[in-house]
């Protein structure tokens, strides 16, 4: 099976985690809550730098959009870069999940307990 530049079924694990967090936060996510959600729900500790690098890469791939919020109200408050998943990001997550589900078929992972 050939994979071209638009084949997102091979998302690395960190990209999948970040995309899922962006999806869960429904357009209210920026690097800190994305990182916190991944740590809390997946038990994976990522640096803020790795979150920023991954978000930039996902945006270049067309899987997420970003925009800047209004500055926060405290003195010297700054705008936050918010992210939301784009339809191709949802397609990529579904493709990645299907690939894992196909590979797990017939293993202990596919058996109900």
PDB file of N, CA and C in Angstrom:
ATOM      1  N   UNK A   1       0.855  -1.168   0.000  1.00  0.00           N
ATOM      2  CA  UNK A   1       0.000   0.000   0.000  1.00  0.00           C
ATOM      3  C   UNK A   1       0.904   1.234   0.000  1.00  0.00           C
ATOM      4  N   UNK A   2       0.735   2.074  -0.990  1.00  0.00           N
ATOM      5  CA  UNK A   2       1.557   3.275  -1.118  1.00  0.00           C
ATOM      6  C   UNK A   2       1.022   4.358  -0.205  1.00  0.00           C
ATOM      7  N   UNK A   3       1.935   5.173   0.252  1.00  0.00           N
ATOM      8  CA  UNK A   3       1.492   6.304   1.061  1.00  0.00           C
ATOM      9  C   UNK A   3       2.111   7.560   0.494  1.00  0.00           C
ATOM     10  N   UNK A   4       1.279   8.542   0.262  1.00  0.00           N
ATOM     11  CA  UNK A   4       1.744   9.802  -0.277  1.00  0.00           C
ATOM     12  C   UNK A   4       1.744  10.859   0.789  1.00  0.00           C
ATOM     13  N   UNK A   5       2.041  12.095   0.394  1.00  0.00           N
ATOM     14  CA  UNK A   5       2.105  13.165   1.382  1.00  0.00           C
ATOM     15  C   UNK A   5       0.783  13.423   2.090  1.00  0.00           C
ATOM     16  N   UNK A   6      -0.340  13.090   1.477  1.00  0.00           N
ATOM     17  CA  UNK A   6      -1.643  13.353   2.100  1.00  0.00           C
ATOM     18  C   UNK A   6      -2.144  12.153   2.909  1.00  0.00           C
ATOM     19  N   UNK A   7      -1.358  11.076   2.996  1.00  0.00           N
ATOM     20  CA  UNK A   7      -1.765   9.891   3.743  1.00  0.00           C
ATOM     21  C   UNK A   7      -1.485  10.122   5.223  1.00  0.00           C
ATOM     22  N   UNK A   8      -2.537  10.404   5.985  1.00  0.00           N
ATOM     23  CA  UNK A   8      -2.368  10.692   7.407  1.00  0.00           C
ATOM     24  C   UNK A   8      -2.719   9.498   8.279  1.00  0.00           C
ATOM     25  N   UNK A   9      -2.844   8.300   7.685  1.00  0.00           N
ATOM     26  CA  UNK A   9      -3.164   7.128   8.493  1.00  0.00           C
ATOM     27  C   UNK A   9      -1.960   6.680   9.309  1.00  0.00           C
ATOM     28  N   UNK A  10      -0.810   7.270   9.053  1.00  0.00           N
ATOM     29  CA  UNK A  10       0.405   6.909   9.784  1.00  0.00           C
ATOM     30  C   UNK A  10       0.819   8.027  10.726  1.00  0.00           C
ATOM     31  N   UNK A  11      -0.117   8.582  11.411  1.00  0.00           N
ATOM     32  CA  UNK A  11       0.191   9.635  12.375  1.00  0.00           C
ATOM     33  C   UNK A  11       1.026   9.066  13.511  1.00  0.00           C
ATOM     34  N   UNK A  12       2.136   9.713  13.846  1.00  0.00           N
ATOM     35  CA  UNK A  12       2.882   9.272  15.029  1.00  0.00           C
ATOM     36  C   UNK A  12       2.016   9.392  16.283  1.00  0.00           C
ATOM     37  N   UNK A  13       2.380   8.654  17.306  1.00  0.00           N
ATOM     38  CA  UNK A  13       1.581   8.623  18.536  1.00  0.00           C
ATOM     39  C   UNK A  13       1.381  10.010  19.137  1.00  0.00           C
ATOM     40  N   UNK A  14       2.423  10.814  19.190  1.00  0.00           N
ATOM     41  CA  UNK A  14       2.292  12.147  19.787  1.00  0.00           C
ATOM     42  C   UNK A  14       1.301  12.988  18.986  1.00  0.00           C
ATOM     43  N   UNK A  15       1.345  12.895  17.657  1.00  0.00           N
ATOM     44  CA  UNK A  15       0.383  13.639  16.846  1.00  0.00           C
ATOM     45  C   UNK A  15      -1.040  13.162  17.123  1.00  0.00           C
ATOM     46  N   UNK A  16      -1.224  11.866  17.277  1.00  0.00           N
ATOM     47  CA  UNK A  16      -2.560  11.346  17.596  1.00  0.00           C
ATOM     48  C   UNK A  16      -3.038  11.881  18.940  1.00  0.00           C
ATOM     49  N   UNK A  17      -2.167  11.851  19.943  1.00  0.00           N
ATOM     50  CA  UNK A  17      -2.547  12.343  21.266  1.00  0.00           C
ATOM     51  C   UNK A  17      -2.915  13.821  21.226  1.00  0.00           C
ATOM     52  N   UNK A  18      -2.108  14.622  20.543  1.00  0.00           N
ATOM     53  CA  UNK A  18      -2.376  16.054  20.467  1.00  0.00           C
ATOM     54  C   UNK A  18      -3.666  16.307  19.690  1.00  0.00           C
ATOM     55  N   UNK A  19      -3.870  15.617  18.579  1.00  0.00           N
ATOM     56  CA  UNK A  19      -5.120  15.784  17.821  1.00  0.00           C
ATOM     57  C   UNK A  19      -6.334  15.410  18.659  1.00  0.00           C
ATOM     58  N   UNK A  20      -6.241  14.316  19.391  1.00  0.00           N
ATOM     59  CA  UNK A  20      -7.365  13.905  20.241  1.00  0.00           C
ATOM     60  C   UNK A  20      -7.645  14.942  21.323  1.00  0.00           C
ATOM     61  N   UNK A  21      -6.600  15.510  21.904  1.00  0.00           N
ATOM     62  CA  UNK A  21      -6.796  16.544  22.929  1.00  0.00           C
ATOM     63  C   UNK A  21      -7.438  17.783  22.317  1.00  0.00           C
ATOM     64  N   UNK A  22      -6.983  18.182  21.141  1.00  0.00           N
ATOM     65  CA  UNK A  22      -7.582  19.336  20.454  1.00  0.00           C
ATOM     66  C   UNK A  22      -9.061  19.058  20.184  1.00  0.00           C
ATOM     67  N   UNK A  23      -9.367  17.859  19.739  1.00  0.00           N
ATOM     68  CA  UNK A  23     -10.762  17.474  19.474  1.00  0.00           C
ATOM     69  C   UNK A  23     -11.592  17.551  20.758  1.00  0.00           C
ATOM     70  N   UNK A  24     -11.079  17.016  21.851  1.00  0.00           N
ATOM     71  CA  UNK A  24     -11.808  17.030  23.129  1.00  0.00           C
ATOM     72  C   UNK A  24     -12.038  18.444  23.645  1.00  0.00           C
ATOM     73  N   UNK A  25     -11.085  19.353  23.408  1.00  0.00           N
ATOM     74  CA  UNK A  25     -11.194  20.717  23.932  1.00  0.00           C
ATOM     75  C   UNK A  25     -12.050  21.620  23.052  1.00  0.00           C
ATOM     76  N   UNK A  26     -12.488  21.127  21.923  1.00  0.00           N
ATOM     77  CA  UNK A  26     -13.483  21.786  21.067  1.00  0.00           C
ATOM     78  C   UNK A  26     -13.213  23.269  20.814  1.00  0.00           C
ATOM     79  N   UNK A  27     -11.993  23.587  20.360  1.00  0.00           N
ATOM     80  CA  UNK A  27     -11.697  24.969  19.991  1.00  0.00           C
ATOM     81  C   UNK A  27     -11.296  25.878  21.133  1.00  0.00           C
ATOM     82  N   UNK A  28     -11.209  25.338  22.346  1.00  0.00           N
ATOM     83  CA  UNK A  28     -10.790  26.164  23.484  1.00  0.00           C
ATOM     84  C   UNK A  28      -9.372  25.828  23.915  1.00  0.00           C
ATOM     85  N   UNK A  29      -8.713  24.928  23.181  1.00  0.00           N
ATOM     86  CA  UNK A  29      -7.416  24.442  23.604  1.00  0.00           C
ATOM     87  C   UNK A  29      -6.250  25.260  23.107  1.00  0.00           C
ATOM     88  N   UNK A  30      -5.317  25.483  24.004  1.00  0.00           N
ATOM     89  CA  UNK A  30      -4.008  26.018  23.664  1.00  0.00           C
ATOM     90  C   UNK A  30      -3.011  25.081  24.323  1.00  0.00           C
ATOM     91  N   UNK A  31      -1.730  25.339  24.176  1.00  0.00           N
ATOM     92  CA  UNK A  31      -0.707  24.359  24.548  1.00  0.00           C
ATOM     93  C   UNK A  31      -0.845  23.822  25.970  1.00  0.00           C
ATOM     94  N   UNK A  32      -1.100  24.683  26.950  1.00  0.00           N
ATOM     95  CA  UNK A  32      -1.126  24.227  28.351  1.00  0.00           C
ATOM     96  C   UNK A  32      -2.284  23.260  28.622  1.00  0.00           C
ATOM     97  N   UNK A  33      -3.548  23.605  28.287  1.00  0.00           N
ATOM     98  CA  UNK A  33      -4.607  22.622  28.552  1.00  0.00           C
ATOM     99  C   UNK A  33      -4.490  21.363  27.682  1.00  0.00           C
ATOM    100  N   UNK A  34      -3.921  21.501  26.490  1.00  0.00           N
ATOM    101  CA  UNK A  34      -3.701  20.315  25.654  1.00  0.00           C
ATOM    102  C   UNK A  34      -2.725  19.380  26.372  1.00  0.00           C
ATOM    103  N   UNK A  35      -1.637  19.934  26.852  1.00  0.00           N
ATOM    104  CA  UNK A  35      -0.626  19.160  27.581  1.00  0.00           C
ATOM    105  C   UNK A  35      -1.223  18.546  28.843  1.00  0.00           C
ATOM    106  N   UNK A  36      -2.002  19.317  29.596  1.00  0.00           N
ATOM    107  CA  UNK A  36      -2.608  18.816  30.828  1.00  0.00           C
ATOM    108  C   UNK A  36      -3.591  17.680  30.564  1.00  0.00           C
ATOM    109  N   UNK A  37      -4.393  17.811  29.512  1.00  0.00           N
ATOM    110  CA  UNK A  37      -5.368  16.768  29.177  1.00  0.00           C
ATOM    111  C   UNK A  37      -4.663  15.461  28.798  1.00  0.00           C
ATOM    112  N   UNK A  38      -3.605  15.567  28.021  1.00  0.00           N
ATOM    113  CA  UNK A  38      -2.849  14.370  27.630  1.00  0.00           C
ATOM    114  C   UNK A  38      -2.233  13.710  28.863  1.00  0.00           C
ATOM    115  N   UNK A  39      -1.682  14.502  29.756  1.00  0.00           N
ATOM    116  CA  UNK A  39      -1.084  13.945  30.979  1.00  0.00           C
ATOM    117  C   UNK A  39      -2.145  13.267  31.839  1.00  0.00           C
ATOM    118  N   UNK A  40      -3.278  13.933  32.008  1.00  0.00           N
ATOM    119  CA  UNK A  40      -4.340  13.418  32.887  1.00  0.00           C
ATOM    120  C   UNK A  40      -5.017  12.181  32.299  1.00  0.00           C
ATOM    121  N   UNK A  41      -5.373  12.228  31.032  1.00  0.00           N
ATOM    122  CA  UNK A  41      -6.179  11.149  30.445  1.00  0.00           C
ATOM    123  C   UNK A  41      -5.361  10.009  29.837  1.00  0.00           C
ATOM    124  N   UNK A  42      -4.178  10.326  29.317  1.00  0.00           N
ATOM    125  CA  UNK A  42      -3.361   9.291  28.676  1.00  0.00           C
ATOM    126  C   UNK A  42      -2.165   8.889  29.528  1.00  0.00           C
ATOM    127  N   UNK A  43      -1.872   9.673  30.569  1.00  0.00           N
ATOM    128  CA  UNK A  43      -0.729   9.362  31.408  1.00  0.00           C
ATOM    129  C   UNK A  43       0.607   9.585  30.711  1.00  0.00           C
ATOM    130  N   UNK A  44       0.604  10.461  29.718  1.00  0.00           N
ATOM    131  CA  UNK A  44       1.817  10.743  28.953  1.00  0.00           C
ATOM    132  C   UNK A  44       2.235  12.183  29.238  1.00  0.00           C
ATOM    133  N   UNK A  45       3.447  12.341  29.770  1.00  0.00           N
ATOM    134  CA  UNK A  45       3.983  13.673  30.081  1.00  0.00           C
ATOM    135  C   UNK A  45       4.771  14.175  28.886  1.00  0.00           C
ATOM    136  N   UNK A  46       4.336  15.293  28.313  1.00  0.00           N
ATOM    137  CA  UNK A  46       5.031  15.911  27.186  1.00  0.00           C
ATOM    138  C   UNK A  46       5.472  17.312  27.581  1.00  0.00           C
ATOM    139  N   UNK A  47       6.594  17.730  27.057  1.00  0.00           N
ATOM    140  CA  UNK A  47       7.047  19.093  27.333  1.00  0.00           C
ATOM    141  C   UNK A  47       6.179  20.078  26.558  1.00  0.00           C
ATOM    142  N   UNK A  48       6.125  21.319  27.036  1.00  0.00           N
ATOM    143  CA  UNK A  48       5.379  22.342  26.295  1.00  0.00           C
ATOM    144  C   UNK A  48       5.978  22.520  24.915  1.00  0.00           C
ATOM    145  N   UNK A  49       7.301  22.453  24.826  1.00  0.00           N
ATOM    146  CA  UNK A  49       7.966  22.592  23.532  1.00  0.00           C
ATOM    147  C   UNK A  49       7.518  21.539  22.533  1.00  0.00           C
ATOM    148  N   UNK A  50       7.389  20.295  22.993  1.00  0.00           N
ATOM    149  CA  UNK A  50       6.951  19.237  22.071  1.00  0.00           C
ATOM    150  C   UNK A  50       5.502  19.439  21.645  1.00  0.00           C
ATOM    151  N   UNK A  51       4.687  20.001  22.521  1.00  0.00           N
ATOM    152  CA  UNK A  51       3.298  20.311  22.149  1.00  0.00           C
ATOM    153  C   UNK A  51       3.288  21.379  21.060  1.00  0.00           C
ATOM    154  N   UNK A  52       4.063  22.457  21.250  1.00  0.00           N
ATOM    155  CA  UNK A  52       4.113  23.535  20.252  1.00  0.00           C
ATOM    156  C   UNK A  52       4.616  23.029  18.904  1.00  0.00           C
ATOM    157  N   UNK A  53       5.679  22.240  18.917  1.00  0.00           N
ATOM    158  CA  UNK A  53       6.237  21.704  17.669  1.00  0.00           C
ATOM    159  C   UNK A  53       5.204  20.819  16.966  1.00  0.00           C
ATOM    160  N   UNK A  54       4.525  19.991  17.736  1.00  0.00           N
ATOM    161  CA  UNK A  54       3.522  19.091  17.158  1.00  0.00           C
ATOM    162  C   UNK A  54       2.340  19.874  16.601  1.00  0.00           C
ATOM    163  N   UNK A  55       1.868  20.876  17.326  1.00  0.00           N
ATOM    164  CA  UNK A  55       0.759  21.700  16.825  1.00  0.00           C
ATOM    165  C   UNK A  55       1.140  22.412  15.529  1.00  0.00           C
ATOM    166  N   UNK A  56       2.361  22.941  15.463  1.00  0.00           N
ATOM    167  CA  UNK A  56       2.817  23.589  14.225  1.00  0.00           C
ATOM    168  C   UNK A  56       2.840  22.594  13.073  1.00  0.00           C
ATOM    169  N   UNK A  57       3.331  21.390  13.329  1.00  0.00           N
ATOM    170  CA  UNK A  57       3.389  20.357  12.285  1.00  0.00           C
ATOM    171  C   UNK A  57       1.979  19.958  11.834  1.00  0.00           C
ATOM    172  N   UNK A  58       1.060  19.811  12.780  1.00  0.00           N
ATOM    173  CA  UNK A  58      -0.320  19.455  12.436  1.00  0.00           C
ATOM    174  C   UNK A  58      -0.983  20.560  11.630  1.00  0.00           C
ATOM    175  N   UNK A  59      -0.650  21.807  11.936  1.00  0.00           N
ATOM    176  CA  UNK A  59      -1.223  22.908  11.167  1.00  0.00           C
ATOM    177  C   UNK A  59      -0.655  22.918   9.743  1.00  0.00           C
ATOM    178  N   UNK A  60       0.637  22.676   9.605  1.00  0.00           N
ATOM    179  CA  UNK A  60       1.233  22.609   8.258  1.00  0.00           C
ATOM    180  C   UNK A  60       0.616  21.478   7.441  1.00  0.00           C
ATOM    181  N   UNK A  61       0.252  20.391   8.095  1.00  0.00           N
ATOM    182  CA  UNK A  61      -0.390  19.262   7.414  1.00  0.00           C
ATOM    183  C   UNK A  61      -1.856  19.535   7.100  1.00  0.00           C
ATOM    184  N   UNK A  62      -2.402  20.631   7.614  1.00  0.00           N
ATOM    185  CA  UNK A  62      -3.805  20.964   7.374  1.00  0.00           C
ATOM    186  C   UNK A  62      -4.782  20.233   8.264  1.00  0.00           C
ATOM    187  N   UNK A  63      -4.307  19.700   9.397  1.00  0.00           N
ATOM    188  CA  UNK A  63      -5.167  18.916  10.282  1.00  0.00           C
ATOM    189  C   UNK A  63      -5.779  19.744  11.405  1.00  0.00           C
ATOM    190  N   UNK A  64      -5.180  20.883  11.714  1.00  0.00           N
ATOM    191  CA  UNK A  64      -5.728  21.806  12.707  1.00  0.00           C
ATOM    192  C   UNK A  64      -5.636  23.227  12.173  1.00  0.00           C
ATOM    193  N   UNK A  65      -6.460  24.094  12.723  1.00  0.00           N
ATOM    194  CA  UNK A  65      -6.406  25.538  12.482  1.00  0.00           C
ATOM    195  C   UNK A  65      -6.037  26.204  13.794  1.00  0.00           C
ATOM    196  N   UNK A  66      -5.444  27.388  13.701  1.00  0.00           N
ATOM    197  CA  UNK A  66      -5.179  28.151  14.914  1.00  0.00           C
ATOM    198  C   UNK A  66      -5.525  29.612  14.687  1.00  0.00           C
ATOM    199  N   UNK A  67      -5.778  30.307  15.785  1.00  0.00           N
ATOM    200  CA  UNK A  67      -6.047  31.738  15.772  1.00  0.00           C
ATOM    201  C   UNK A  67      -5.690  32.259  17.156  1.00  0.00           C
ATOM    202  N   UNK A  68      -5.584  33.568  17.273  1.00  0.00           N
ATOM    203  CA  UNK A  68      -5.236  34.165  18.554  1.00  0.00           C
ATOM    204  C   UNK A  68      -6.478  34.711  19.243  1.00  0.00           C
ATOM    205  N   UNK A  69      -6.585  34.404  20.530  1.00  0.00           N
ATOM    206  CA  UNK A  69      -7.684  34.921  21.351  1.00  0.00           C
ATOM    207  C   UNK A  69      -7.425  36.384  21.655  1.00  0.00           C
ATOM    208  N   UNK A  70      -8.392  37.011  22.274  1.00  0.00           N
ATOM    209  CA  UNK A  70      -8.179  38.352  22.814  1.00  0.00           C
ATOM    210  C   UNK A  70      -7.181  38.234  23.967  1.00  0.00           C
ATOM    211  N   UNK A  71      -6.419  39.265  24.243  1.00  0.00           N
ATOM    212  CA  UNK A  71      -5.492  39.205  25.388  1.00  0.00           C
ATOM    213  C   UNK A  71      -6.265  38.956  26.689  1.00  0.00           C
ATOM    214  N   UNK A  72      -5.630  38.243  27.599  1.00  0.00           N
ATOM    215  CA  UNK A  72      -6.253  38.018  28.902  1.00  0.00           C
ATOM    216  C   UNK A  72      -6.378  39.350  29.633  1.00  0.00           C
ATOM    217  N   UNK A  73      -7.273  39.420  30.622  1.00  0.00           N
ATOM    218  CA  UNK A  73      -7.624  40.693  31.263  1.00  0.00           C
ATOM    219  C   UNK A  73      -6.586  41.223  32.239  1.00  0.00           C
ATOM    220  N   UNK A  74      -5.715  40.383  32.755  1.00  0.00           N
ATOM    221  CA  UNK A  74      -4.753  40.883  33.734  1.00  0.00           C
ATOM    222  C   UNK A  74      -3.758  41.831  33.055  1.00  0.00           C
ATOM    223  N   UNK A  75      -3.170  42.715  33.830  1.00  0.00           N
ATOM    224  CA  UNK A  75      -2.193  43.652  33.260  1.00  0.00           C
ATOM    225  C   UNK A  75      -1.077  42.894  32.538  1.00  0.00           C
ATOM    226  N   UNK A  76      -0.784  43.328  31.344  1.00  0.00           N
ATOM    227  CA  UNK A  76       0.230  42.652  30.533  1.00  0.00           C
ATOM    228  C   UNK A  76      -0.240  41.338  29.959  1.00  0.00           C
ATOM    229  N   UNK A  77      -1.561  41.083  30.054  1.00  0.00           N
ATOM    230  CA  UNK A  77      -2.122  39.827  29.555  1.00  0.00           C
ATOM    231  C   UNK A  77      -1.841  39.647  28.072  1.00  0.00           C
ATOM    232  N   UNK A  78      -1.662  38.406  27.681  1.00  0.00           N
ATOM    233  CA  UNK A  78      -1.359  38.166  26.279  1.00  0.00           C
ATOM    234  C   UNK A  78      -2.409  37.279  25.635  1.00  0.00           C
ATOM    235  N   UNK A  79      -2.442  37.339  24.328  1.00  0.00           N
ATOM    236  CA  UNK A  79      -3.361  36.506  23.560  1.00  0.00           C
ATOM    237  C   UNK A  79      -2.847  35.063  23.580  1.00  0.00           C
ATOM    238  N   UNK A  80      -3.762  34.142  23.536  1.00  0.00           N
ATOM    239  CA  UNK A  80      -3.409  32.722  23.476  1.00  0.00           C
ATOM    240  C   UNK A  80      -3.679  32.208  22.063  1.00  0.00           C
ATOM    241  N   UNK A  81      -2.828  31.309  21.625  1.00  0.00           N
ATOM    242  CA  UNK A  81      -3.029  30.675  20.322  1.00  0.00           C
ATOM    243  C   UNK A  81      -3.898  29.449  20.541  1.00  0.00           C
ATOM    244  N   UNK A  82      -5.129  29.529  20.059  1.00  0.00           N
ATOM    245  CA  UNK A  82      -6.103  28.452  20.226  1.00  0.00           C
ATOM    246  C   UNK A  82      -6.106  27.557  18.993  1.00  0.00           C
ATOM    247  N   UNK A  83      -6.516  26.309  19.197  1.00  0.00           N
ATOM    248  CA  UNK A  83      -6.521  25.327  18.111  1.00  0.00           C
ATOM    249  C   UNK A  83      -7.856  24.616  18.031  1.00  0.00           C
ATOM    250  N   UNK A  84      -8.225  24.269  16.811  1.00  0.00           N
ATOM    251  CA  UNK A  84      -9.393  23.402  16.589  1.00  0.00           C
ATOM    252  C   UNK A  84      -9.032  22.428  15.478  1.00  0.00           C
ATOM    253  N   UNK A  85      -9.613  21.270  15.566  1.00  0.00           N
ATOM    254  CA  UNK A  85      -9.357  20.236  14.567  1.00  0.00           C
ATOM    255  C   UNK A  85     -10.142  20.561  13.299  1.00  0.00           C
ATOM    256  N   UNK A  86      -9.550  20.273  12.163  1.00  0.00           N
ATOM    257  CA  UNK A  86     -10.210  20.442  10.873  1.00  0.00           C
ATOM    258  C   UNK A  86     -10.745  19.079  10.432  1.00  0.00           C
ATOM    259  N   UNK A  87     -11.685  19.054   9.489  1.00  0.00           N
ATOM    260  CA  UNK A  87     -12.204  17.759   9.020  1.00  0.00           C
ATOM    261  C   UNK A  87     -11.114  16.765   8.606  1.00  0.00           C
ATOM    262  N   UNK A  88     -10.048  17.193   7.909  1.00  0.00           N
ATOM    263  CA  UNK A  88      -9.000  16.213   7.590  1.00  0.00           C
ATOM    264  C   UNK A  88      -8.324  15.633   8.834  1.00  0.00           C
ATOM    265  N   UNK A  89      -8.325  16.371   9.938  1.00  0.00           N
ATOM    266  CA  UNK A  89      -7.772  15.852  11.182  1.00  0.00           C
ATOM    267  C   UNK A  89      -8.617  14.730  11.747  1.00  0.00           C
ATOM    268  N   UNK A  90      -9.931  14.888  11.655  1.00  0.00           N
ATOM    269  CA  UNK A  90     -10.840  13.821  12.106  1.00  0.00           C
ATOM    270  C   UNK A  90     -10.662  12.591  11.216  1.00  0.00           C
ATOM    271  N   UNK A  91     -10.564  12.806   9.920  1.00  0.00           N
ATOM    272  CA  UNK A  91     -10.344  11.693   8.972  1.00  0.00           C
ATOM    273  C   UNK A  91      -9.034  10.976   9.309  1.00  0.00           C
ATOM    274  N   UNK A  92      -7.988  11.744   9.602  1.00  0.00           N
ATOM    275  CA  UNK A  92      -6.692  11.148   9.923  1.00  0.00           C
ATOM    276  C   UNK A  92      -6.765  10.316  11.194  1.00  0.00           C
ATOM    277  N   UNK A  93      -7.456  10.813  12.225  1.00  0.00           N
ATOM    278  CA  UNK A  93      -7.601  10.043  13.460  1.00  0.00           C
ATOM    279  C   UNK A  93      -8.385   8.761  13.224  1.00  0.00           C
ATOM    280  N   UNK A  94      -9.443   8.844  12.443  1.00  0.00           N
ATOM    281  CA  UNK A  94     -10.232   7.639  12.147  1.00  0.00           C
ATOM    282  C   UNK A  94      -9.403   6.622  11.372  1.00  0.00           C
ATOM    283  N   UNK A  95      -8.608   7.087  10.410  1.00  0.00           N
ATOM    284  CA  UNK A  95      -7.763   6.183   9.621  1.00  0.00           C
ATOM    285  C   UNK A  95      -6.714   5.514  10.504  1.00  0.00           C
ATOM    286  N   UNK A  96      -6.113   6.275  11.397  1.00  0.00           N
ATOM    287  CA  UNK A  96      -5.108   5.715  12.301  1.00  0.00           C
ATOM    288  C   UNK A  96      -5.739   4.668  13.217  1.00  0.00           C
ATOM    289  N   UNK A  97      -6.927   4.972  13.701  1.00  0.00           N
ATOM    290  CA  UNK A  97      -7.611   4.020  14.587  1.00  0.00           C
ATOM    291  C   UNK A  97      -7.986   2.739  13.838  1.00  0.00           C
ATOM    292  N   UNK A  98      -8.472   2.892  12.607  1.00  0.00           N
ATOM    293  CA  UNK A  98      -8.803   1.701  11.809  1.00  0.00           C
ATOM    294  C   UNK A  98      -7.573   0.832  11.585  1.00  0.00           C
ATOM    295  N   UNK A  99      -6.434   1.462  11.312  1.00  0.00           N
ATOM    296  CA  UNK A  99      -5.209   0.699  11.076  1.00  0.00           C
ATOM    297  C   UNK A  99      -4.826  -0.105  12.317  1.00  0.00           C
ATOM    298  N   UNK A 100      -4.923   0.507  13.488  1.00  0.00           N
ATOM    299  CA  UNK A 100      -4.591  -0.194  14.728  1.00  0.00           C
ATOM    300  C   UNK A 100      -5.608  -1.303  15.001  1.00  0.00           C
ATOM    301  N   UNK A 101      -6.891  -1.014  14.784  1.00  0.00           N
ATOM    302  CA  UNK A 101      -7.920  -2.028  15.004  1.00  0.00           C
ATOM    303  C   UNK A 101      -7.718  -3.234  14.084  1.00  0.00           C
ATOM    304  N   UNK A 102      -7.356  -2.981  12.818  1.00  0.00           N
ATOM    305  CA  UNK A 102      -7.113  -4.097  11.882  1.00  0.00           C
ATOM    306  C   UNK A 102      -5.931  -4.944  12.353  1.00  0.00           C
ATOM    307  N   UNK A 103      -4.878  -4.272  12.786  1.00  0.00           N
ATOM    308  CA  UNK A 103      -3.694  -4.999  13.229  1.00  0.00           C
ATOM    309  C   UNK A 103      -3.967  -5.778  14.512  1.00  0.00           C
ATOM    310  N   UNK A 104      -4.817  -5.269  15.373  1.00  0.00           N
ATOM    311  CA  UNK A 104      -5.124  -5.935  16.646  1.00  0.00           C
ATOM    312  C   UNK A 104      -6.098  -7.084  16.492  1.00  0.00           C
ATOM    313  N   UNK A 105      -6.772  -7.178  15.336  1.00  0.00           N
ATOM    314  CA  UNK A 105      -7.744  -8.250  15.124  1.00  0.00           C
ATOM    315  C   UNK A 105      -7.085  -9.615  15.342  1.00  0.00           C
ATOM    316  N   UNK A 106      -7.746 -10.453  16.120  1.00  0.00           N
ATOM    317  CA  UNK A 106      -7.257 -11.790  16.383  1.00  0.00           C
ATOM    318  C   UNK A 106      -6.235 -11.877  17.509  1.00  0.00           C
ATOM    319  N   UNK A 107      -5.982 -10.765  18.156  1.00  0.00           N
ATOM    320  CA  UNK A 107      -5.039 -10.774  19.293  1.00  0.00           C
ATOM    321  C   UNK A 107      -5.820 -10.606  20.590  1.00  0.00           C
ATOM    322  N   UNK A 108      -5.110 -10.669  21.683  1.00  0.00           N
ATOM    323  CA  UNK A 108      -5.729 -10.478  22.994  1.00  0.00           C
ATOM    324  C   UNK A 108      -6.385  -9.090  23.091  1.00  0.00           C
ATOM    325  N   UNK A 109      -5.915  -8.130  22.312  1.00  0.00           N
ATOM    326  CA  UNK A 109      -6.496  -6.787  22.335  1.00  0.00           C
ATOM    327  C   UNK A 109      -7.896  -6.741  21.764  1.00  0.00           C
ATOM    328  N   UNK A 110      -8.234  -7.690  20.903  1.00  0.00           N
ATOM    329  CA  UNK A 110      -9.549  -7.667  20.298  1.00  0.00           C
ATOM    330  C   UNK A 110     -10.565  -8.538  21.036  1.00  0.00           C
ATOM    331  N   UNK A 111     -10.119  -9.237  22.044  1.00  0.00           N
ATOM    332  CA  UNK A 111     -11.029 -10.097  22.816  1.00  0.00           C
ATOM    333  C   UNK A 111     -11.677  -9.322  23.941  1.00  0.00           C
ATOM    334  N   UNK A 112     -12.944  -9.551  24.146  1.00  0.00           N
ATOM    335  CA  UNK A 112     -13.652  -8.902  25.262  1.00  0.00           C
ATOM    336  C   UNK A 112     -13.380  -9.667  26.532  1.00  0.00           C
ATOM    337  N   UNK A 113     -13.255  -8.884  27.594  1.00  0.00           N
ATOM    338  CA  UNK A 113     -13.019  -9.516  28.914  1.00  0.00           C
ATOM    339  C   UNK A 113     -14.196  -9.364  29.808  1.00  0.00           C
TER     340      UNK A 113
END
